[in-house]
Structure formats: C-alpha cells, structure tokens
Amino acid sequence: MIVLTFAFSGCGARKEEAPPPAVHYGVADLETMVKAHPRYSSYFKLQTEYNHLLEQYRNERNRLIQAASQQKRINAALSDQTRRLAAENELKAKVKSKEDELNEGLKKLYSDISKKHAASSSLNLETLTPEERAEMANLQMKLTILGVTGEEKEKIKDRLHALMELRASREKAEMTGWTVDEVNQMKNAKEKAESDLTEFSRVTAENIKKRLASDNKVQLEKIEQSFDAGNQEWDKAWQFRIDSKQKQMADLKKQIMADIETEAARVASDKQLDMIFIKYKANINATDVTGDMVNRIVNIKQEEING
C-alpha cells in the first residue's frame, strides 16, 4: 500500500476548538502503474528469462537423472523380479502353514465326534493332488500378488471355483451314525476354516504388496539422492544463475516501486491528498488518481532512472 500522510498544526490560544480538517484520500491501481513504468519491459524480460531458466533446470535435471539411472533401473527391475518371486514363495509358505494349522483343528473335531460312535475312520484333508494344489496356489498368486484383470481374472476365478468344488467332493468322509447336529457341526467348522484361510491369504497378500511398493519407492528415492550427491557442483552452478536472475528482478522491481512512491508524493501534494492507497474499502470515499500517476510515470526520463 502506498501511503502519504500530512500533519498540520497551529499555535496560540483559541476559545473554541476548530473542527478537524477533512481527510482526503486517493486510490491508484498498482499493476497499471507498474506496467506504465519505462523499465517495465526490462522487468518483464527478466521475468521471462527467470521462468525459462527454471524450466531449463528442471528439464536438464530430469534428463541427467534418467541417463545416470538407466543401468540402476535395469538392476532395480531385476531385483524387483527377484523380490516378487520371493514374495510369492513367502505367501505360499505362510498360507500353507495357516492351512495346516486349520486342518489340525478340523482333524481333532472329526476325531472327537468319531469316538462317540462305533465306526472308526480318519478324516483325509489332503484331498487334492500335489499338481492340483500347486495349480490352485499359482492361481491365487495371480489374483492376490499380480492383480490380473478382465477376462483373465474371470477365467482364473472359474478355475479356482472348479478346484474348490473338486476338493469339497473328495472331502466327504464316512459319517455313518452321526447325528444331524454332528454333521452340521463338522460342515460349519470346514466352512469357517475355509473363510479364515481366505481372509488370512488376503491380508497377508495385501501386506506383502504394500511392502513391495514401499521398497520400490525407496529404490527410486535412492537413485535421485545418488544423482544429487554426485552432481552438487552442477546444481550449485544452476542455483547461482537462477538466484542471480531473481535478484536482478527484485532490484529492478524495487527501483520501479521507488519511482512510483516518488510520483505518488507529488500527486498527493498537487491534489492535496492526505493518503494514496493501492487498496481501499468500498465505504471510504477516495479519488481515483491512477490516470494522473500513469501520466507522471510514463514521462520519467531515462537519465533519472539510470541516476
């Protein structure tokens, strides 16, 4: 805000207090005044050069990072494949361990119920062949780790459903003499075990996926940090150029503002204004002196500017 104030005072005793003089305000548009200054074109040129420097710096930095990290990215991709395979094996092992734990519970329940009856049998929970179990595990990997979509996802889900149906049909153990409640108890226990295993697989897969994503982010950050560490002199030279251009802009803007303030003082004196604002509230009565200011600013002589 450009403000110019005047103070008036008198002397001698007076019987009555005189009313305070009326305050007169002026207002002017700063952007218009700045653009009217003879050196605004120089300021605009500096601003354009500054923005161009920033763009050059960013583009050059990105190009150098890509060039410097090309081999690192290849190594990171190979490492990512290794980590993905390790993650798949980790998920398989954890799910198998959980499955064995749940199966032990089912076997114990089956044994406890069977002991109540004359017939004695054992529950066979390994109902799928090793090949079928491996196929089922691989299909689950594609859904949980690889995240397949579209038609391939539907085919995988159909095949998984068929394998689960096959497993269910083979799990029918002899339950001769069992009561309806006992049969339902065993059935409900199996369904709960399957549900628990499915949820365990989902949560475990999600945690592994988050860990892989976090590892990939860390790898990228290391590549950029490595670039910054190895190119400090290059970056320092660019920052010097950018900072220098920014200082030129600031110095010239300061000179322009000083000229505007000088002309504002002259206009205020000529028009007997107490203050000139560049912003003011609508409920304040102010005279627009933008035109007067512009007329003075455009006529600033070049030698005065240089001086």
Foldseek 3Di string as FASTA:
>chain_A
DQKFFDDDDDDDDDPDDDDDDDAAEAEAAPVLLLVLFPCSVVLVVLVVVLVVLVVVVVVVLVVVLCVVCVVVVVVVVVVLVVLLVVLLVVLVVVLVVLLVVLVVVLQVLVQVQQVVDPDDDGFDQPQDDPVLVVLLSVLLCCVLAVNDDDPVVVVSVVVNVVSVVSSVVRRDDDPPPGDPVSVVVSVVSVVVSVVVSVVVSNVSSVVSNVVSVVVVVVSVVVSSVVSCVVCVVVVVVSVVVSVVSVVVSVVVVVLSVVVLSVLVVVVCVVVVHRIYYNDDDPVDDHHYCNVVSSVVNNPDDPVVSVD
